[in-house]
Amino acid sequence: MSADILRSMLSEGMSVEINIREGRRSNFKKEGIVSKILTNSENHPYGIMVELDSGEKGRVNKVLSDDIKKADTTSKHTMPTPAKTIEEIIAKGENHSVEFKSSMLWSERYSKEQIDSSKSKEIKKFGRDASKFIIAKSIAGFLNADGGELVIGIKENKNSNSDEVIGVESEFSKLQDQCEDGYRRKIVDSIIKPWFPKSIFHHINNYIQISFPQVDGKTICWVSMSRSDEKVFLNIKNNSYFLVRIDASTRELQNEEIVNYCMRRFT
């Protein structure tokens, strides 16, 4: 089964069989040599996405060569525990493939006075949706770049070398369903569904995984994204935004910048 093939089992130069996406269909198989591994997470319910040396992209259905990494053939392949993996991510800090946010709903209950007096351009423009818009920007930026990890519940500590794990439990009171599932639905139903392309929402498991590991006794929200094979524009209030992860920040591209980036990234 393709879902049993882990990222750590694959390497560039390996011979594999992939399922090629063609429109909405993904039952076309192709054999070839892996030139790039596109999925960042260790596993994926539909298989690890790779690019062949022929330029074709798809999810690995079968490994054909005998050079599977030896460390993975000595025992049953299992996903590392989320807490251990996420601790390693947090310890390394923000970078091209990792971004931290302290919360998702900090602007959810802002008053009109707070919105009017704010100096933040996001709050001025999006009001109580400002904090969700910032999360949407991060997700879109990773999808349009190389994928990555968004970790919510981490506070940057400028006075020390380590970031602080604060968790997301304090935000549960702002949810209709005050639990992890309610938090997940908030991301899917109030960010992904209304603002992202239907191709992302309808196939969300192909691109986005949301989990809630425990770190230092606190619950954090870990959003893991794979590289998108289609351009992802955010559509909010009749405006479109194209974001991309560059170095350790998310940047909005406009006009000719979008054209140039998409010609190189999506063709």
C-alpha atoms as a PDB file:
ATOM      1  CA  MET A   1       0.000   0.000   0.000  1.00  0.00           C
ATOM      2  CA  SER A   2       1.292   3.495  -0.867  1.00  0.00           C
ATOM      3  CA  ALA A   3       0.359   4.772   2.604  1.00  0.00           C
ATOM      4  CA  ASP A   4       2.809   2.268   4.118  1.00  0.00           C
ATOM      5  CA  ILE A   5       5.745   3.825   2.264  1.00  0.00           C
ATOM      6  CA  LEU A   6       7.465   6.398   4.481  1.00  0.00           C
ATOM      7  CA  ARG A   7       9.481   9.376   3.351  1.00  0.00           C
ATOM      8  CA  SER A   8      12.561   8.000   5.114  1.00  0.00           C
ATOM      9  CA  MET A   9      12.338   4.883   2.919  1.00  0.00           C
ATOM     10  CA  LEU A  10      12.845   6.949  -0.233  1.00  0.00           C
ATOM     11  CA  SER A  11      15.835   8.727  -1.715  1.00  0.00           C
ATOM     12  CA  GLU A  12      16.727  10.542  -4.903  1.00  0.00           C
ATOM     13  CA  GLY A  13      17.850   8.141  -7.619  1.00  0.00           C
ATOM     14  CA  MET A  14      15.521   5.384  -6.439  1.00  0.00           C
ATOM     15  CA  SER A  15      13.311   3.559  -8.941  1.00  0.00           C
ATOM     16  CA  VAL A  16       9.605   3.762  -8.092  1.00  0.00           C
ATOM     17  CA  GLU A  17       6.108   3.433  -9.514  1.00  0.00           C
ATOM     18  CA  ILE A  18       3.874   6.470  -8.997  1.00  0.00           C
ATOM     19  CA  ASN A  19       0.219   7.323  -9.465  1.00  0.00           C
ATOM     20  CA  ILE A  20       0.073  10.348 -11.745  1.00  0.00           C
ATOM     21  CA  ARG A  21      -2.632  12.932 -11.217  1.00  0.00           C
ATOM     22  CA  GLU A  22      -4.464  13.903 -14.406  1.00  0.00           C
ATOM     23  CA  GLY A  23      -7.235  16.334 -13.630  1.00  0.00           C
ATOM     24  CA  ARG A  24      -9.306  14.753 -10.895  1.00  0.00           C
ATOM     25  CA  ARG A  25      -8.013  11.270 -11.684  1.00  0.00           C
ATOM     26  CA  SER A  26      -4.957   9.649 -10.162  1.00  0.00           C
ATOM     27  CA  ASN A  27      -5.040   6.085 -11.523  1.00  0.00           C
ATOM     28  CA  PHE A  28      -2.368   6.497 -14.202  1.00  0.00           C
ATOM     29  CA  LYS A  29       0.794   4.667 -13.186  1.00  0.00           C
ATOM     30  CA  LYS A  30       4.309   5.561 -14.260  1.00  0.00           C
ATOM     31  CA  GLU A  31       7.706   4.059 -13.473  1.00  0.00           C
ATOM     32  CA  GLY A  32      10.790   6.220 -13.166  1.00  0.00           C
ATOM     33  CA  ILE A  33      13.660   7.557 -11.102  1.00  0.00           C
ATOM     34  CA  VAL A  34      13.030   9.916  -8.169  1.00  0.00           C
ATOM     35  CA  SER A  35      14.627  13.326  -8.733  1.00  0.00           C
ATOM     36  CA  LYS A  36      12.933  15.129  -5.845  1.00  0.00           C
ATOM     37  CA  ILE A  37      10.845  14.176  -2.792  1.00  0.00           C
ATOM     38  CA  LEU A  38       8.032  16.729  -2.464  1.00  0.00           C
ATOM     39  CA  THR A  39       6.239  15.580   0.699  1.00  0.00           C
ATOM     40  CA  ASN A  40       7.886  16.918   3.857  1.00  0.00           C
ATOM     41  CA  SER A  41       6.071  14.791   6.427  1.00  0.00           C
ATOM     42  CA  GLU A  42       7.198  11.226   7.202  1.00  0.00           C
ATOM     43  CA  ASN A  43       4.024   9.665   5.858  1.00  0.00           C
ATOM     44  CA  HIS A  44       0.816  10.597   4.039  1.00  0.00           C
ATOM     45  CA  PRO A  45      -2.512   8.761   3.784  1.00  0.00           C
ATOM     46  CA  TYR A  46      -2.367   8.863  -0.025  1.00  0.00           C
ATOM     47  CA  GLY A  47       1.360   8.280  -0.420  1.00  0.00           C
ATOM     48  CA  ILE A  48       4.538  10.341  -0.574  1.00  0.00           C
ATOM     49  CA  MET A  49       4.592  12.862  -3.446  1.00  0.00           C
ATOM     50  CA  VAL A  50       7.720  12.782  -5.634  1.00  0.00           C
ATOM     51  CA  GLU A  51       8.945  14.209  -8.914  1.00  0.00           C
ATOM     52  CA  LEU A  52      10.562  11.852 -11.415  1.00  0.00           C
ATOM     53  CA  ASP A  53      13.554  12.724 -13.556  1.00  0.00           C
ATOM     54  CA  SER A  54      11.061  12.892 -16.454  1.00  0.00           C
ATOM     55  CA  GLY A  55       9.378  15.829 -14.707  1.00  0.00           C
ATOM     56  CA  GLU A  56       6.184  13.932 -13.904  1.00  0.00           C
ATOM     57  CA  LYS A  57       4.798  14.157 -10.357  1.00  0.00           C
ATOM     58  CA  GLY A  58       2.759  11.667  -8.379  1.00  0.00           C
ATOM     59  CA  ARG A  59       2.434   9.693  -5.181  1.00  0.00           C
ATOM     60  CA  VAL A  60       4.615   6.642  -4.715  1.00  0.00           C
ATOM     61  CA  ASN A  61       2.634   3.453  -5.195  1.00  0.00           C
ATOM     62  CA  LYS A  62       5.526   1.004  -5.137  1.00  0.00           C
ATOM     63  CA  VAL A  63       9.317   0.978  -4.656  1.00  0.00           C
ATOM     64  CA  LEU A  64      10.922  -0.933  -7.541  1.00  0.00           C
ATOM     65  CA  SER A  65      14.615  -0.731  -6.697  1.00  0.00           C
ATOM     66  CA  ASP A  66      16.267  -2.789  -3.976  1.00  0.00           C
ATOM     67  CA  ASP A  67      18.045   0.149  -2.336  1.00  0.00           C
ATOM     68  CA  ILE A  68      15.475   0.990   0.329  1.00  0.00           C
ATOM     69  CA  LYS A  69      17.302   2.566   3.232  1.00  0.00           C
ATOM     70  CA  LYS A  70      18.623  -0.196   5.464  1.00  0.00           C
ATOM     71  CA  ALA A  71      17.572   1.441   8.712  1.00  0.00           C
ATOM     72  CA  ASP A  72      13.956   1.054   7.637  1.00  0.00           C
ATOM     73  CA  THR A  73      14.113  -2.599   6.564  1.00  0.00           C
ATOM     74  CA  THR A  74      15.174  -4.091   9.879  1.00  0.00           C
ATOM     75  CA  SER A  75      11.859  -3.518  11.630  1.00  0.00           C
ATOM     76  CA  LYS A  76       8.261  -2.590  10.954  1.00  0.00           C
ATOM     77  CA  HIS A  77       8.043   0.968   9.682  1.00  0.00           C
ATOM     78  CA  THR A  78       6.309   3.255  12.151  1.00  0.00           C
ATOM     79  CA  MET A  79       5.806   6.989  12.253  1.00  0.00           C
ATOM     80  CA  PRO A  80       7.939   8.641  14.955  1.00  0.00           C
ATOM     81  CA  THR A  81       5.867   9.808  17.902  1.00  0.00           C
ATOM     82  CA  PRO A  82       4.545  13.325  17.227  1.00  0.00           C
ATOM     83  CA  ALA A  83       5.900  14.731  20.529  1.00  0.00           C
ATOM     84  CA  LYS A  84       9.469  13.687  19.740  1.00  0.00           C
ATOM     85  CA  THR A  85       9.313  14.905  16.168  1.00  0.00           C
ATOM     86  CA  ILE A  86       7.695  18.223  17.046  1.00  0.00           C
ATOM     87  CA  GLU A  87      10.222  18.838  19.815  1.00  0.00           C
ATOM     88  CA  GLU A  88      12.996  18.533  17.260  1.00  0.00           C
ATOM     89  CA  ILE A  89      11.205  20.999  14.978  1.00  0.00           C
ATOM     90  CA  ILE A  90      10.714  23.491  17.802  1.00  0.00           C
ATOM     91  CA  ALA A  91      14.327  23.175  18.957  1.00  0.00           C
ATOM     92  CA  LYS A  92      15.639  24.131  15.501  1.00  0.00           C
ATOM     93  CA  GLY A  93      13.534  27.305  15.378  1.00  0.00           C
ATOM     94  CA  GLU A  94      11.940  29.035  12.429  1.00  0.00           C
ATOM     95  CA  ASN A  95      13.420  28.566   8.979  1.00  0.00           C
ATOM     96  CA  HIS A  96      12.347  28.154   5.354  1.00  0.00           C
ATOM     97  CA  SER A  97      10.194  25.121   6.197  1.00  0.00           C
ATOM     98  CA  VAL A  98       9.070  25.962   9.758  1.00  0.00           C
ATOM     99  CA  GLU A  99       6.982  28.837  11.133  1.00  0.00           C
ATOM    100  CA  PHE A 100       5.667  29.453  14.661  1.00  0.00           C
ATOM    101  CA  LYS A 101       2.527  31.312  15.696  1.00  0.00           C
ATOM    102  CA  SER A 102       1.413  31.914  19.259  1.00  0.00           C
ATOM    103  CA  SER A 103      -2.310  31.674  18.486  1.00  0.00           C
ATOM    104  CA  MET A 104      -4.954  31.563  15.767  1.00  0.00           C
ATOM    105  CA  LEU A 105      -7.842  33.419  17.395  1.00  0.00           C
ATOM    106  CA  TRP A 106      -6.270  36.390  19.178  1.00  0.00           C
ATOM    107  CA  SER A 107      -8.383  38.894  17.199  1.00  0.00           C
ATOM    108  CA  GLU A 108     -11.604  36.850  17.345  1.00  0.00           C
ATOM    109  CA  ARG A 109     -13.197  38.976  20.089  1.00  0.00           C
ATOM    110  CA  TYR A 110     -11.711  42.376  19.319  1.00  0.00           C
ATOM    111  CA  SER A 111     -14.067  45.288  19.924  1.00  0.00           C
ATOM    112  CA  LYS A 112     -14.749  47.966  17.336  1.00  0.00           C
ATOM    113  CA  GLU A 113     -12.662  50.352  19.421  1.00  0.00           C
ATOM    114  CA  GLN A 114      -9.697  47.964  19.401  1.00  0.00           C
ATOM    115  CA  ILE A 115      -9.975  47.520  15.643  1.00  0.00           C
ATOM    116  CA  ASP A 116     -10.286  51.266  14.962  1.00  0.00           C
ATOM    117  CA  SER A 117      -7.342  52.158  17.205  1.00  0.00           C
ATOM    118  CA  SER A 118      -5.020  49.393  15.991  1.00  0.00           C
ATOM    119  CA  LYS A 119      -1.931  50.237  13.955  1.00  0.00           C
ATOM    120  CA  SER A 120      -1.875  46.762  12.385  1.00  0.00           C
ATOM    121  CA  LYS A 121      -2.743  46.772   8.679  1.00  0.00           C
ATOM    122  CA  GLU A 122      -4.204  43.256   8.999  1.00  0.00           C
ATOM    123  CA  ILE A 123      -6.535  44.333  11.813  1.00  0.00           C
ATOM    124  CA  LYS A 124      -7.545  47.485   9.943  1.00  0.00           C
ATOM    125  CA  LYS A 125      -8.406  45.454   6.842  1.00  0.00           C
ATOM    126  CA  PHE A 126      -9.746  42.189   8.240  1.00  0.00           C
ATOM    127  CA  GLY A 127     -10.987  43.127  11.700  1.00  0.00           C
ATOM    128  CA  ARG A 128     -11.759  40.093  13.851  1.00  0.00           C
ATOM    129  CA  ASP A 129     -10.570  37.823  11.013  1.00  0.00           C
ATOM    130  CA  ALA A 130      -7.044  39.281  11.117  1.00  0.00           C
ATOM    131  CA  SER A 131      -5.491  36.461  13.128  1.00  0.00           C
ATOM    132  CA  LYS A 132      -7.071  33.821  10.870  1.00  0.00           C
ATOM    133  CA  PHE A 133      -5.833  35.693   7.797  1.00  0.00           C
ATOM    134  CA  ILE A 134      -2.269  35.550   9.148  1.00  0.00           C
ATOM    135  CA  ILE A 135      -2.603  31.768   9.583  1.00  0.00           C
ATOM    136  CA  ALA A 136      -4.019  31.488   6.045  1.00  0.00           C
ATOM    137  CA  LYS A 137      -1.039  33.425   4.675  1.00  0.00           C
ATOM    138  CA  SER A 138       1.377  30.985   6.286  1.00  0.00           C
ATOM    139  CA  ILE A 139      -0.440  27.916   4.954  1.00  0.00           C
ATOM    140  CA  ALA A 140      -0.693  29.345   1.427  1.00  0.00           C
ATOM    141  CA  GLY A 141       2.967  30.379   1.481  1.00  0.00           C
ATOM    142  CA  PHE A 142       4.102  26.846   2.305  1.00  0.00           C
ATOM    143  CA  LEU A 143       1.802  25.285  -0.302  1.00  0.00           C
ATOM    144  CA  ASN A 144       3.158  27.573  -3.003  1.00  0.00           C
ATOM    145  CA  ALA A 145       6.770  26.915  -2.002  1.00  0.00           C
ATOM    146  CA  ASP A 146       8.177  23.588  -0.826  1.00  0.00           C
ATOM    147  CA  GLY A 147       5.676  22.650   1.872  1.00  0.00           C
ATOM    148  CA  GLY A 148       6.488  22.983   5.538  1.00  0.00           C
ATOM    149  CA  GLU A 149       5.372  22.985   9.145  1.00  0.00           C
ATOM    150  CA  LEU A 150       3.214  25.604  10.868  1.00  0.00           C
ATOM    151  CA  VAL A 151       3.197  25.202  14.637  1.00  0.00           C
ATOM    152  CA  ILE A 152       0.558  27.157  16.574  1.00  0.00           C
ATOM    153  CA  GLY A 153       1.070  27.576  20.314  1.00  0.00           C
ATOM    154  CA  ILE A 154       4.722  28.702  20.247  1.00  0.00           C
ATOM    155  CA  LYS A 155       5.671  32.159  21.505  1.00  0.00           C
ATOM    156  CA  GLU A 156       8.863  33.745  20.287  1.00  0.00           C
ATOM    157  CA  ASN A 157      11.125  34.638  23.188  1.00  0.00           C
ATOM    158  CA  LYS A 158      13.370  37.509  22.162  1.00  0.00           C
ATOM    159  CA  ASN A 159      15.175  37.549  25.497  1.00  0.00           C
ATOM    160  CA  SER A 160      16.563  34.026  25.249  1.00  0.00           C
ATOM    161  CA  ASN A 161      17.720  31.516  22.667  1.00  0.00           C
ATOM    162  CA  SER A 162      14.655  29.297  23.005  1.00  0.00           C
ATOM    163  CA  ASP A 163      11.009  29.800  22.069  1.00  0.00           C
ATOM    164  CA  GLU A 164       8.280  29.213  24.643  1.00  0.00           C
ATOM    165  CA  VAL A 165       5.649  26.505  24.296  1.00  0.00           C
ATOM    166  CA  ILE A 166       2.374  28.116  25.418  1.00  0.00           C
ATOM    167  CA  GLY A 167      -0.112  25.731  23.779  1.00  0.00           C
ATOM    168  CA  VAL A 168      -3.520  26.450  22.274  1.00  0.00           C
ATOM    169  CA  GLU A 169      -5.760  25.345  25.164  1.00  0.00           C
ATOM    170  CA  SER A 170      -6.487  28.968  26.116  1.00  0.00           C
ATOM    171  CA  GLU A 171      -8.179  29.445  22.737  1.00  0.00           C
ATOM    172  CA  PHE A 172     -10.631  26.575  23.163  1.00  0.00           C
ATOM    173  CA  SER A 173     -13.037  28.873  25.049  1.00  0.00           C
ATOM    174  CA  LYS A 174     -13.469  30.875  21.824  1.00  0.00           C
ATOM    175  CA  LEU A 175     -14.714  27.809  19.938  1.00  0.00           C
ATOM    176  CA  GLN A 176     -18.217  26.420  19.608  1.00  0.00           C
ATOM    177  CA  ASP A 177     -16.769  22.965  20.313  1.00  0.00           C
ATOM    178  CA  GLN A 178     -14.138  23.639  22.962  1.00  0.00           C
ATOM    179  CA  CYS A 179     -11.681  20.882  22.114  1.00  0.00           C
ATOM    180  CA  GLU A 180      -9.040  19.817  19.610  1.00  0.00           C
ATOM    181  CA  ASP A 181     -11.643  18.734  17.044  1.00  0.00           C
ATOM    182  CA  GLY A 182     -13.288  22.139  17.342  1.00  0.00           C
ATOM    183  CA  TYR A 183      -9.938  23.808  16.710  1.00  0.00           C
ATOM    184  CA  ARG A 184      -9.331  21.612  13.672  1.00  0.00           C
ATOM    185  CA  ARG A 185     -12.774  22.439  12.282  1.00  0.00           C
ATOM    186  CA  LYS A 186     -12.095  26.139  12.822  1.00  0.00           C
ATOM    187  CA  ILE A 187      -9.046  25.877  10.557  1.00  0.00           C
ATOM    188  CA  VAL A 188     -10.857  23.836   7.912  1.00  0.00           C
ATOM    189  CA  ASP A 189     -14.278  25.521   7.948  1.00  0.00           C
ATOM    190  CA  SER A 190     -13.345  29.168   8.554  1.00  0.00           C
ATOM    191  CA  ILE A 191      -9.959  29.369   6.790  1.00  0.00           C
ATOM    192  CA  ILE A 192      -9.446  26.604   4.215  1.00  0.00           C
ATOM    193  CA  LYS A 193     -13.030  26.257   2.964  1.00  0.00           C
ATOM    194  CA  PRO A 194     -13.899  29.942   2.374  1.00  0.00           C
ATOM    195  CA  TRP A 195     -10.507  31.347   1.341  1.00  0.00           C
ATOM    196  CA  PHE A 196      -8.563  28.608  -0.448  1.00  0.00           C
ATOM    197  CA  PRO A 197      -9.171  27.121  -3.925  1.00  0.00           C
ATOM    198  CA  LYS A 198     -11.740  24.338  -4.064  1.00  0.00           C
ATOM    199  CA  SER A 199      -9.002  22.006  -5.351  1.00  0.00           C
ATOM    200  CA  ILE A 200      -7.268  22.381  -1.970  1.00  0.00           C
ATOM    201  CA  PHE A 201     -10.390  22.116   0.193  1.00  0.00           C
ATOM    202  CA  HIS A 202     -11.874  19.140  -1.686  1.00  0.00           C
ATOM    203  CA  HIS A 203      -8.547  17.276  -1.515  1.00  0.00           C
ATOM    204  CA  ILE A 204      -7.306  18.651   1.783  1.00  0.00           C
ATOM    205  CA  ASN A 205      -5.778  15.340   2.899  1.00  0.00           C
ATOM    206  CA  ASN A 206      -3.483  15.463  -0.132  1.00  0.00           C
ATOM    207  CA  TYR A 207      -1.934  18.694   1.070  1.00  0.00           C
ATOM    208  CA  ILE A 208      -2.619  19.435   4.742  1.00  0.00           C
ATOM    209  CA  GLN A 209      -2.434  17.369   7.921  1.00  0.00           C
ATOM    210  CA  ILE A 210      -3.486  18.767  11.305  1.00  0.00           C
ATOM    211  CA  SER A 211      -2.498  17.137  14.594  1.00  0.00           C
ATOM    212  CA  PHE A 212      -2.356  18.094  18.275  1.00  0.00           C
ATOM    213  CA  PRO A 213       0.759  16.703  19.959  1.00  0.00           C
ATOM    214  CA  GLN A 214       1.623  17.351  23.582  1.00  0.00           C
ATOM    215  CA  VAL A 215       4.836  19.255  24.289  1.00  0.00           C
ATOM    216  CA  ASP A 216       5.924  20.177  27.828  1.00  0.00           C
ATOM    217  CA  GLY A 217       2.456  19.260  29.061  1.00  0.00           C
ATOM    218  CA  LYS A 218       0.729  21.640  26.631  1.00  0.00           C
ATOM    219  CA  THR A 219      -1.303  20.975  23.482  1.00  0.00           C
ATOM    220  CA  ILE A 220      -0.039  22.581  20.318  1.00  0.00           C
ATOM    221  CA  CYS A 221      -1.553  22.607  16.836  1.00  0.00           C
ATOM    222  CA  TRP A 222       0.795  21.203  14.192  1.00  0.00           C
ATOM    223  CA  VAL A 223      -0.209  21.942  10.588  1.00  0.00           C
ATOM    224  CA  SER A 224       1.972  20.004   8.138  1.00  0.00           C
ATOM    225  CA  MET A 225       1.764  20.961   4.468  1.00  0.00           C
ATOM    226  CA  SER A 226       2.969  19.251   1.304  1.00  0.00           C
ATOM    227  CA  ARG A 227       4.123  21.173  -1.744  1.00  0.00           C
ATOM    228  CA  SER A 228       1.115  22.007  -3.925  1.00  0.00           C
ATOM    229  CA  ASP A 229       1.164  21.041  -7.594  1.00  0.00           C
ATOM    230  CA  GLU A 230      -1.236  23.890  -8.382  1.00  0.00           C
ATOM    231  CA  LYS A 231      -1.069  27.647  -7.773  1.00  0.00           C
ATOM    232  CA  VAL A 232      -2.793  28.619  -4.530  1.00  0.00           C
ATOM    233  CA  PHE A 233      -4.429  32.060  -4.340  1.00  0.00           C
ATOM    234  CA  LEU A 234      -6.266  33.234  -1.233  1.00  0.00           C
ATOM    235  CA  ASN A 235      -9.604  34.813  -2.144  1.00  0.00           C
ATOM    236  CA  ILE A 236     -10.887  37.045   0.651  1.00  0.00           C
ATOM    237  CA  LYS A 237     -13.442  39.840   0.371  1.00  0.00           C
ATOM    238  CA  ASN A 238     -13.216  39.874  -3.426  1.00  0.00           C
ATOM    239  CA  ASN A 239      -9.437  40.240  -3.328  1.00  0.00           C
ATOM    240  CA  SER A 240      -6.816  37.664  -4.310  1.00  0.00           C
ATOM    241  CA  TYR A 241      -3.498  37.166  -2.542  1.00  0.00           C
ATOM    242  CA  PHE A 242      -0.558  35.071  -3.678  1.00  0.00           C
ATOM    243  CA  LEU A 243       1.850  34.151  -0.881  1.00  0.00           C
ATOM    244  CA  VAL A 244       5.118  32.252  -0.934  1.00  0.00           C
ATOM    245  CA  ARG A 245       7.581  31.139   1.718  1.00  0.00           C
ATOM    246  CA  ILE A 246      10.952  32.779   1.086  1.00  0.00           C
ATOM    247  CA  ASP A 247      13.800  32.076   3.508  1.00  0.00           C
ATOM    248  CA  ALA A 248      12.198  32.297   6.980  1.00  0.00           C
ATOM    249  CA  SER A 249       9.290  34.586   6.119  1.00  0.00           C
ATOM    250  CA  THR A 250       6.051  34.580   4.141  1.00  0.00           C
ATOM    251  CA  ARG A 251       5.921  37.181   1.386  1.00  0.00           C
ATOM    252  CA  GLU A 252       3.098  38.388  -0.829  1.00  0.00           C
ATOM    253  CA  LEU A 253       3.918  38.545  -4.544  1.00  0.00           C
ATOM    254  CA  GLN A 254       2.137  40.848  -6.959  1.00  0.00           C
ATOM    255  CA  ASN A 255       1.745  41.406 -10.688  1.00  0.00           C
ATOM    256  CA  GLU A 256       4.847  40.411 -12.648  1.00  0.00           C
ATOM    257  CA  GLU A 257       6.391  38.788  -9.571  1.00  0.00           C
ATOM    258  CA  ILE A 258       3.542  36.256  -9.560  1.00  0.00           C
ATOM    259  CA  VAL A 259       3.941  35.528 -13.265  1.00  0.00           C
ATOM    260  CA  ASN A 260       7.697  35.002 -12.994  1.00  0.00           C
ATOM    261  CA  TYR A 261       7.419  32.843  -9.887  1.00  0.00           C
ATOM    262  CA  CYS A 262       4.656  30.651 -11.306  1.00  0.00           C
ATOM    263  CA  MET A 263       6.490  30.138 -14.598  1.00  0.00           C
ATOM    264  CA  ARG A 264       9.434  28.708 -12.694  1.00  0.00           C
ATOM    265  CA  ARG A 265       7.539  26.867  -9.966  1.00  0.00           C
ATOM    266  CA  PHE A 266       4.483  25.387 -11.710  1.00  0.00           C
ATOM    267  CA  THR A 267       5.650  24.627 -15.261  1.00  0.00           C
END
